[in-house]
Structures are given as C-alpha cells and as structure tokens.
C-alpha cells in the first residue's frame, strides 16, 4: 500500500512496480482509494451470440402484473 502523498511525489516508482506485475493500492490516511495495475491489451475481441439457442425468454417477459406494478408505486405493503 502506498500513501497518496508518496505516490504523487514519486509517481514513477509505483508505476515501475505495477509494470513488473505488482498491484499497488493507493491510500488516503490509511484507507485504500485506488488500485494501480499494469495495462494489458485485451486478448481477443468479443464474439456475440455465445448464448444463442441456450436461453429461452418467456413470451410474457415484458409484461408486468398489476400487483407488482402497484408494489413498485408503493401502493402495497
């Protein structure tokens, strides 16, 4: 863990540590507020349609029952 003041003053040191694979936690007054990690290129582009034919959606999926709609409006307790 690195204090935010130290990270500001010597920014290149935590960056070098992150480049070597270390995860640096930056803290303010001992409380973690950020993570510094090495940048990695994404491995492969996403291919859509991986769940095609494996998921079924009910015909009434978009329908909302009157009871549930009333509950969302706060009319039921």
PDB file of N, CA and C in Angstrom:
ATOM      1  N   UNK A   1       0.858  -1.171   0.000  1.00  0.00           N
ATOM      2  CA  UNK A   1       0.000   0.000   0.000  1.00  0.00           C
ATOM      3  C   UNK A   1       0.906   1.237   0.000  1.00  0.00           C
ATOM      4  N   UNK A   2       0.533   2.211  -0.782  1.00  0.00           N
ATOM      5  CA  UNK A   2       1.305   3.444  -0.919  1.00  0.00           C
ATOM      6  C   UNK A   2       0.402   4.606  -0.549  1.00  0.00           C
ATOM      7  N   UNK A   3       0.914   5.498   0.286  1.00  0.00           N
ATOM      8  CA  UNK A   3       0.169   6.694   0.652  1.00  0.00           C
ATOM      9  C   UNK A   3       0.058   7.612  -0.564  1.00  0.00           C
ATOM     10  N   UNK A   4      -1.035   8.305  -0.686  1.00  0.00           N
ATOM     11  CA  UNK A   4      -1.268   9.165  -1.851  1.00  0.00           C
ATOM     12  C   UNK A   4      -0.196  10.244  -1.986  1.00  0.00           C
ATOM     13  N   UNK A   5       0.288  10.744  -0.884  1.00  0.00           N
ATOM     14  CA  UNK A   5       1.339  11.767  -0.931  1.00  0.00           C
ATOM     15  C   UNK A   5       2.617  11.181  -1.531  1.00  0.00           C
ATOM     16  N   UNK A   6       2.983   9.983  -1.093  1.00  0.00           N
ATOM     17  CA  UNK A   6       4.172   9.328  -1.636  1.00  0.00           C
ATOM     18  C   UNK A   6       3.983   9.017  -3.118  1.00  0.00           C
ATOM     19  N   UNK A   7       2.787   8.569  -3.493  1.00  0.00           N
ATOM     20  CA  UNK A   7       2.513   8.259  -4.895  1.00  0.00           C
ATOM     21  C   UNK A   7       2.641   9.503  -5.763  1.00  0.00           C
ATOM     22  N   UNK A   8       2.193  10.657  -5.240  1.00  0.00           N
ATOM     23  CA  UNK A   8       2.317  11.908  -6.004  1.00  0.00           C
ATOM     24  C   UNK A   8       3.770  12.318  -6.142  1.00  0.00           C
ATOM     25  N   UNK A   9       4.531  12.207  -5.064  1.00  0.00           N
ATOM     26  CA  UNK A   9       5.907  12.677  -5.062  1.00  0.00           C
ATOM     27  C   UNK A   9       6.821  11.804  -5.907  1.00  0.00           C
ATOM     28  N   UNK A  10       6.616  10.512  -5.828  1.00  0.00           N
ATOM     29  CA  UNK A  10       7.488   9.560  -6.537  1.00  0.00           C
ATOM     30  C   UNK A  10       6.651   8.665  -7.450  1.00  0.00           C
ATOM     31  N   UNK A  11       5.904   9.249  -8.329  1.00  0.00           N
ATOM     32  CA  UNK A  11       4.941   8.505  -9.147  1.00  0.00           C
ATOM     33  C   UNK A  11       5.591   7.416  -9.994  1.00  0.00           C
ATOM     34  N   UNK A  12       6.805   7.639 -10.463  1.00  0.00           N
ATOM     35  CA  UNK A  12       7.443   6.655 -11.335  1.00  0.00           C
ATOM     36  C   UNK A  12       7.721   5.339 -10.603  1.00  0.00           C
ATOM     37  N   UNK A  13       7.966   5.380  -9.316  1.00  0.00           N
ATOM     38  CA  UNK A  13       8.270   4.147  -8.576  1.00  0.00           C
ATOM     39  C   UNK A  13       7.069   3.205  -8.517  1.00  0.00           C
ATOM     40  N   UNK A  14       5.886   3.674  -8.090  1.00  0.00           N
ATOM     41  CA  UNK A  14       4.753   2.743  -8.109  1.00  0.00           C
ATOM     42  C   UNK A  14       4.397   2.273  -9.521  1.00  0.00           C
ATOM     43  N   UNK A  15       4.599   3.135 -10.521  1.00  0.00           N
ATOM     44  CA  UNK A  15       4.315   2.732 -11.901  1.00  0.00           C
ATOM     45  C   UNK A  15       5.268   1.616 -12.326  1.00  0.00           C
ATOM     46  N   UNK A  16       6.535   1.729 -11.974  1.00  0.00           N
ATOM     47  CA  UNK A  16       7.501   0.683 -12.306  1.00  0.00           C
ATOM     48  C   UNK A  16       7.143  -0.628 -11.617  1.00  0.00           C
ATOM     49  N   UNK A  17       6.694  -0.550 -10.367  1.00  0.00           N
ATOM     50  CA  UNK A  17       6.285  -1.759  -9.648  1.00  0.00           C
ATOM     51  C   UNK A  17       5.079  -2.400 -10.328  1.00  0.00           C
ATOM     52  N   UNK A  18       4.134  -1.569 -10.768  1.00  0.00           N
ATOM     53  CA  UNK A  18       2.955  -2.092 -11.464  1.00  0.00           C
ATOM     54  C   UNK A  18       3.363  -2.741 -12.789  1.00  0.00           C
ATOM     55  N   UNK A  19       4.305  -2.148 -13.490  1.00  0.00           N
ATOM     56  CA  UNK A  19       4.788  -2.720 -14.751  1.00  0.00           C
ATOM     57  C   UNK A  19       5.367  -4.119 -14.546  1.00  0.00           C
ATOM     58  N   UNK A  20       5.964  -4.350 -13.388  1.00  0.00           N
ATOM     59  CA  UNK A  20       6.545  -5.658 -13.082  1.00  0.00           C
ATOM     60  C   UNK A  20       5.480  -6.665 -12.640  1.00  0.00           C
ATOM     61  N   UNK A  21       4.215  -6.236 -12.580  1.00  0.00           N
ATOM     62  CA  UNK A  21       3.137  -7.155 -12.257  1.00  0.00           C
ATOM     63  C   UNK A  21       2.542  -6.982 -10.875  1.00  0.00           C
ATOM     64  N   UNK A  22       3.072  -6.083 -10.088  1.00  0.00           N
ATOM     65  CA  UNK A  22       2.557  -5.866  -8.739  1.00  0.00           C
ATOM     66  C   UNK A  22       1.308  -4.984  -8.789  1.00  0.00           C
ATOM     67  N   UNK A  23       0.364  -5.258  -7.925  1.00  0.00           N
ATOM     68  CA  UNK A  23      -0.825  -4.413  -7.802  1.00  0.00           C
ATOM     69  C   UNK A  23      -0.571  -3.433  -6.659  1.00  0.00           C
ATOM     70  N   UNK A  24      -0.600  -2.145  -6.962  1.00  0.00           N
ATOM     71  CA  UNK A  24      -0.312  -1.111  -5.975  1.00  0.00           C
ATOM     72  C   UNK A  24      -1.633  -0.515  -5.502  1.00  0.00           C
ATOM     73  N   UNK A  25      -1.837  -0.525  -4.190  1.00  0.00           N
ATOM     74  CA  UNK A  25      -3.019   0.085  -3.602  1.00  0.00           C
ATOM     75  C   UNK A  25      -2.614   1.461  -3.101  1.00  0.00           C
ATOM     76  N   UNK A  26      -3.332   2.471  -3.548  1.00  0.00           N
ATOM     77  CA  UNK A  26      -3.056   3.846  -3.133  1.00  0.00           C
ATOM     78  C   UNK A  26      -4.066   4.210  -2.060  1.00  0.00           C
ATOM     79  N   UNK A  27      -3.547   4.734  -0.943  1.00  0.00           N
ATOM     80  CA  UNK A  27      -4.409   5.010   0.207  1.00  0.00           C
ATOM     81  C   UNK A  27      -4.338   6.474   0.610  1.00  0.00           C
ATOM     82  N   UNK A  28      -5.446   6.943   1.162  1.00  0.00           N
ATOM     83  CA  UNK A  28      -5.502   8.287   1.741  1.00  0.00           C
ATOM     84  C   UNK A  28      -5.758   8.086   3.239  1.00  0.00           C
ATOM     85  N   UNK A  29      -4.822   8.531   4.060  1.00  0.00           N
ATOM     86  CA  UNK A  29      -4.906   8.391   5.516  1.00  0.00           C
ATOM     87  C   UNK A  29      -5.134   6.932   5.913  1.00  0.00           C
ATOM     88  N   UNK A  30      -4.458   6.004   5.220  1.00  0.00           N
ATOM     89  CA  UNK A  30      -4.553   4.593   5.539  1.00  0.00           C
ATOM     90  C   UNK A  30      -5.760   3.871   4.967  1.00  0.00           C
ATOM     91  N   UNK A  31      -6.642   4.591   4.284  1.00  0.00           N
ATOM     92  CA  UNK A  31      -7.828   3.982   3.691  1.00  0.00           C
ATOM     93  C   UNK A  31      -7.616   3.809   2.188  1.00  0.00           C
ATOM     94  N   UNK A  32      -7.695   2.567   1.674  1.00  0.00           N
ATOM     95  CA  UNK A  32      -7.497   2.345   0.233  1.00  0.00           C
ATOM     96  C   UNK A  32      -8.515   3.134  -0.592  1.00  0.00           C
ATOM     97  N   UNK A  33      -8.025   3.807  -1.646  1.00  0.00           N
ATOM     98  CA  UNK A  33      -8.916   4.588  -2.510  1.00  0.00           C
ATOM     99  C   UNK A  33      -8.751   4.245  -3.997  1.00  0.00           C
ATOM    100  N   UNK A  34      -7.642   3.579  -4.371  1.00  0.00           N
ATOM    101  CA  UNK A  34      -7.428   3.275  -5.787  1.00  0.00           C
ATOM    102  C   UNK A  34      -6.441   2.120  -5.925  1.00  0.00           C
ATOM    103  N   UNK A  35      -6.469   1.492  -7.118  1.00  0.00           N
ATOM    104  CA  UNK A  35      -5.519   0.442  -7.455  1.00  0.00           C
ATOM    105  C   UNK A  35      -4.757   0.862  -8.697  1.00  0.00           C
ATOM    106  N   UNK A  36      -3.473   0.607  -8.703  1.00  0.00           N
ATOM    107  CA  UNK A  36      -2.636   0.863  -9.867  1.00  0.00           C
ATOM    108  C   UNK A  36      -2.140  -0.490 -10.354  1.00  0.00           C
ATOM    109  N   UNK A  37      -2.524  -0.836 -11.579  1.00  0.00           N
ATOM    110  CA  UNK A  37      -2.124  -2.123 -12.166  1.00  0.00           C
ATOM    111  C   UNK A  37      -1.569  -1.877 -13.558  1.00  0.00           C
ATOM    112  N   UNK A  38      -0.802  -2.833 -14.042  1.00  0.00           N
ATOM    113  CA  UNK A  38      -0.225  -2.720 -15.381  1.00  0.00           C
ATOM    114  C   UNK A  38      -1.331  -2.789 -16.432  1.00  0.00           C
ATOM    115  N   UNK A  39      -1.163  -2.057 -17.498  1.00  0.00           N
ATOM    116  CA  UNK A  39      -2.108  -2.082 -18.614  1.00  0.00           C
ATOM    117  C   UNK A  39      -1.839  -3.317 -19.453  1.00  0.00           C
ATOM    118  N   UNK A  40      -2.900  -4.023 -19.775  1.00  0.00           N
ATOM    119  CA  UNK A  40      -2.788  -5.202 -20.636  1.00  0.00           C
ATOM    120  C   UNK A  40      -3.780  -5.059 -21.787  1.00  0.00           C
ATOM    121  N   UNK A  41      -3.316  -5.353 -22.993  1.00  0.00           N
ATOM    122  CA  UNK A  41      -4.201  -5.358 -24.156  1.00  0.00           C
ATOM    123  C   UNK A  41      -5.202  -6.489 -23.989  1.00  0.00           C
ATOM    124  N   UNK A  42      -6.417  -6.277 -24.468  1.00  0.00           N
ATOM    125  CA  UNK A  42      -7.393  -7.361 -24.400  1.00  0.00           C
ATOM    126  C   UNK A  42      -6.931  -8.485 -25.318  1.00  0.00           C
ATOM    127  N   UNK A  43      -7.238  -9.700 -24.929  1.00  0.00           N
ATOM    128  CA  UNK A  43      -6.722 -10.863 -25.644  1.00  0.00           C
ATOM    129  C   UNK A  43      -7.383 -11.070 -26.999  1.00  0.00           C
ATOM    130  N   UNK A  44      -8.704 -11.042 -26.999  1.00  0.00           N
ATOM    131  CA  UNK A  44      -9.411 -11.291 -28.256  1.00  0.00           C
ATOM    132  C   UNK A  44     -10.705 -10.497 -28.253  1.00  0.00           C
ATOM    133  N   UNK A  45     -11.149 -10.065 -29.401  1.00  0.00           N
ATOM    134  CA  UNK A  45     -12.416  -9.340 -29.437  1.00  0.00           C
ATOM    135  C   UNK A  45     -13.573 -10.262 -29.061  1.00  0.00           C
ATOM    136  N   UNK A  46     -14.587  -9.690 -28.455  1.00  0.00           N
ATOM    137  CA  UNK A  46     -15.763 -10.456 -28.087  1.00  0.00           C
ATOM    138  C   UNK A  46     -16.527 -10.894 -29.329  1.00  0.00           C
ATOM    139  N   UNK A  47     -17.073 -12.081 -29.255  1.00  0.00           N
ATOM    140  CA  UNK A  47     -17.878 -12.606 -30.351  1.00  0.00           C
ATOM    141  C   UNK A  47     -19.313 -12.721 -29.838  1.00  0.00           C
ATOM    142  N   UNK A  48     -20.242 -11.947 -30.413  1.00  0.00           N
ATOM    143  CA  UNK A  48     -21.622 -12.012 -29.940  1.00  0.00           C
ATOM    144  C   UNK A  48     -22.280 -13.341 -30.317  1.00  0.00           C
ATOM    145  N   UNK A  49     -23.323 -13.679 -29.567  1.00  0.00           N
ATOM    146  CA  UNK A  49     -24.119 -14.850 -29.893  1.00  0.00           C
ATOM    147  C   UNK A  49     -23.705 -16.114 -29.181  1.00  0.00           C
ATOM    148  N   UNK A  50     -22.892 -16.014 -28.154  1.00  0.00           N
ATOM    149  CA  UNK A  50     -22.429 -17.195 -27.451  1.00  0.00           C
ATOM    150  C   UNK A  50     -23.526 -17.969 -26.750  1.00  0.00           C
ATOM    151  N   UNK A  51     -24.626 -17.314 -26.390  1.00  0.00           N
ATOM    152  CA  UNK A  51     -25.725 -17.987 -25.701  1.00  0.00           C
ATOM    153  C   UNK A  51     -26.895 -18.282 -26.643  1.00  0.00           C
ATOM    154  N   UNK A  52     -26.727 -18.042 -27.912  1.00  0.00           N
ATOM    155  CA  UNK A  52     -27.802 -18.263 -28.875  1.00  0.00           C
ATOM    156  C   UNK A  52     -28.246 -19.731 -28.837  1.00  0.00           C
ATOM    157  N   UNK A  53     -29.558 -19.937 -28.709  1.00  0.00           N
ATOM    158  CA  UNK A  53     -30.102 -21.279 -28.651  1.00  0.00           C
ATOM    159  C   UNK A  53     -30.034 -21.918 -27.274  1.00  0.00           C
ATOM    160  N   UNK A  54     -29.401 -21.248 -26.304  1.00  0.00           N
ATOM    161  CA  UNK A  54     -29.260 -21.808 -24.961  1.00  0.00           C
ATOM    162  C   UNK A  54     -30.144 -21.094 -23.943  1.00  0.00           C
ATOM    163  N   UNK A  55     -30.721 -19.970 -24.324  1.00  0.00           N
ATOM    164  CA  UNK A  55     -31.539 -19.185 -23.407  1.00  0.00           C
ATOM    165  C   UNK A  55     -32.937 -19.053 -23.989  1.00  0.00           C
ATOM    166  N   UNK A  56     -33.941 -19.200 -23.140  1.00  0.00           N
ATOM    167  CA  UNK A  56     -35.322 -19.060 -23.557  1.00  0.00           C
ATOM    168  C   UNK A  56     -35.954 -17.937 -22.755  1.00  0.00           C
ATOM    169  N   UNK A  57     -36.651 -17.025 -23.405  1.00  0.00           N
ATOM    170  CA  UNK A  57     -37.332 -15.918 -22.748  1.00  0.00           C
ATOM    171  C   UNK A  57     -38.827 -16.117 -22.932  1.00  0.00           C
ATOM    172  N   UNK A  58     -39.542 -16.098 -21.822  1.00  0.00           N
ATOM    173  CA  UNK A  58     -40.989 -16.317 -21.852  1.00  0.00           C
ATOM    174  C   UNK A  58     -41.676 -15.238 -22.672  1.00  0.00           C
ATOM    175  N   UNK A  59     -42.772 -15.582 -23.357  1.00  0.00           N
ATOM    176  CA  UNK A  59     -43.482 -14.599 -24.172  1.00  0.00           C
ATOM    177  C   UNK A  59     -43.996 -13.410 -23.360  1.00  0.00           C
ATOM    178  N   UNK A  60     -44.297 -13.631 -22.082  1.00  0.00           N
ATOM    179  CA  UNK A  60     -44.817 -12.533 -21.258  1.00  0.00           C
ATOM    180  C   UNK A  60     -43.712 -11.848 -20.445  1.00  0.00           C
ATOM    181  N   UNK A  61     -42.460 -11.984 -20.856  1.00  0.00           N
ATOM    182  CA  UNK A  61     -41.328 -11.436 -20.120  1.00  0.00           C
ATOM    183  C   UNK A  61     -41.471  -9.944 -19.856  1.00  0.00           C
ATOM    184  N   UNK A  62     -41.915  -9.191 -20.848  1.00  0.00           N
ATOM    185  CA  UNK A  62     -42.042  -7.738 -20.695  1.00  0.00           C
ATOM    186  C   UNK A  62     -43.307  -7.322 -19.966  1.00  0.00           C
ATOM    187  N   UNK A  63     -44.199  -8.257 -19.734  1.00  0.00           N
ATOM    188  CA  UNK A  63     -45.450  -7.944 -19.033  1.00  0.00           C
ATOM    189  C   UNK A  63     -45.202  -7.755 -17.540  1.00  0.00           C
ATOM    190  N   UNK A  64     -45.979  -6.874 -16.927  1.00  0.00           N
ATOM    191  CA  UNK A  64     -45.855  -6.602 -15.505  1.00  0.00           C
ATOM    192  C   UNK A  64     -47.227  -6.762 -14.874  1.00  0.00           C
ATOM    193  N   UNK A  65     -47.313  -7.647 -13.902  1.00  0.00           N
ATOM    194  CA  UNK A  65     -48.614  -7.883 -13.281  1.00  0.00           C
ATOM    195  C   UNK A  65     -49.072  -6.620 -12.542  1.00  0.00           C
ATOM    196  N   UNK A  66     -50.376  -6.407 -12.436  1.00  0.00           N
ATOM    197  CA  UNK A  66     -50.890  -5.238 -11.728  1.00  0.00           C
ATOM    198  C   UNK A  66     -50.414  -5.177 -10.274  1.00  0.00           C
ATOM    199  N   UNK A  67     -50.299  -6.340  -9.633  1.00  0.00           N
ATOM    200  CA  UNK A  67     -49.837  -6.369  -8.246  1.00  0.00           C
ATOM    201  C   UNK A  67     -48.395  -5.886  -8.123  1.00  0.00           C
ATOM    202  N   UNK A  68     -47.548  -6.345  -9.033  1.00  0.00           N
ATOM    203  CA  UNK A  68     -46.151  -5.935  -8.996  1.00  0.00           C
ATOM    204  C   UNK A  68     -46.015  -4.451  -9.336  1.00  0.00           C
ATOM    205  N   UNK A  69     -46.780  -3.967 -10.299  1.00  0.00           N
ATOM    206  CA  UNK A  69     -46.747  -2.550 -10.655  1.00  0.00           C
ATOM    207  C   UNK A  69     -47.175  -1.703  -9.461  1.00  0.00           C
ATOM    208  N   UNK A  70     -48.194  -2.142  -8.742  1.00  0.00           N
ATOM    209  CA  UNK A  70     -48.662  -1.401  -7.555  1.00  0.00           C
ATOM    210  C   UNK A  70     -47.584  -1.398  -6.480  1.00  0.00           C
ATOM    211  N   UNK A  71     -46.883  -2.514  -6.330  1.00  0.00           N
ATOM    212  CA  UNK A  71     -45.801  -2.581  -5.338  1.00  0.00           C
ATOM    213  C   UNK A  71     -44.672  -1.619  -5.682  1.00  0.00           C
ATOM    214  N   UNK A  72     -44.342  -1.492  -6.955  1.00  0.00           N
ATOM    215  CA  UNK A  72     -43.308  -0.547  -7.369  1.00  0.00           C
ATOM    216  C   UNK A  72     -43.733   0.892  -7.105  1.00  0.00           C
ATOM    217  N   UNK A  73     -45.003   1.157  -7.223  1.00  0.00           N
ATOM    218  CA  UNK A  73     -45.524   2.506  -6.953  1.00  0.00           C
ATOM    219  C   UNK A  73     -45.696   2.771  -5.465  1.00  0.00           C
ATOM    220  N   UNK A  74     -45.465   1.750  -4.622  1.00  0.00           N
ATOM    221  CA  UNK A  74     -45.597   1.904  -3.185  1.00  0.00           C
ATOM    222  C   UNK A  74     -47.019   1.806  -2.692  1.00  0.00           C
ATOM    223  N   UNK A  75     -47.891   1.246  -3.495  1.00  0.00           N
ATOM    224  CA  UNK A  75     -49.300   1.163  -3.121  1.00  0.00           C
ATOM    225  C   UNK A  75     -49.588  -0.087  -2.288  1.00  0.00           C
ATOM    226  N   UNK A  76     -48.708  -1.065  -2.285  1.00  0.00           N
ATOM    227  CA  UNK A  76     -48.892  -2.271  -1.493  1.00  0.00           C
ATOM    228  C   UNK A  76     -47.792  -2.335  -0.452  1.00  0.00           C
ATOM    229  N   UNK A  77     -48.100  -2.898   0.676  1.00  0.00           N
ATOM    230  CA  UNK A  77     -47.058  -3.040   1.682  1.00  0.00           C
ATOM    231  C   UNK A  77     -46.906  -4.466   2.117  1.00  0.00           C
TER     232      UNK A  77
END
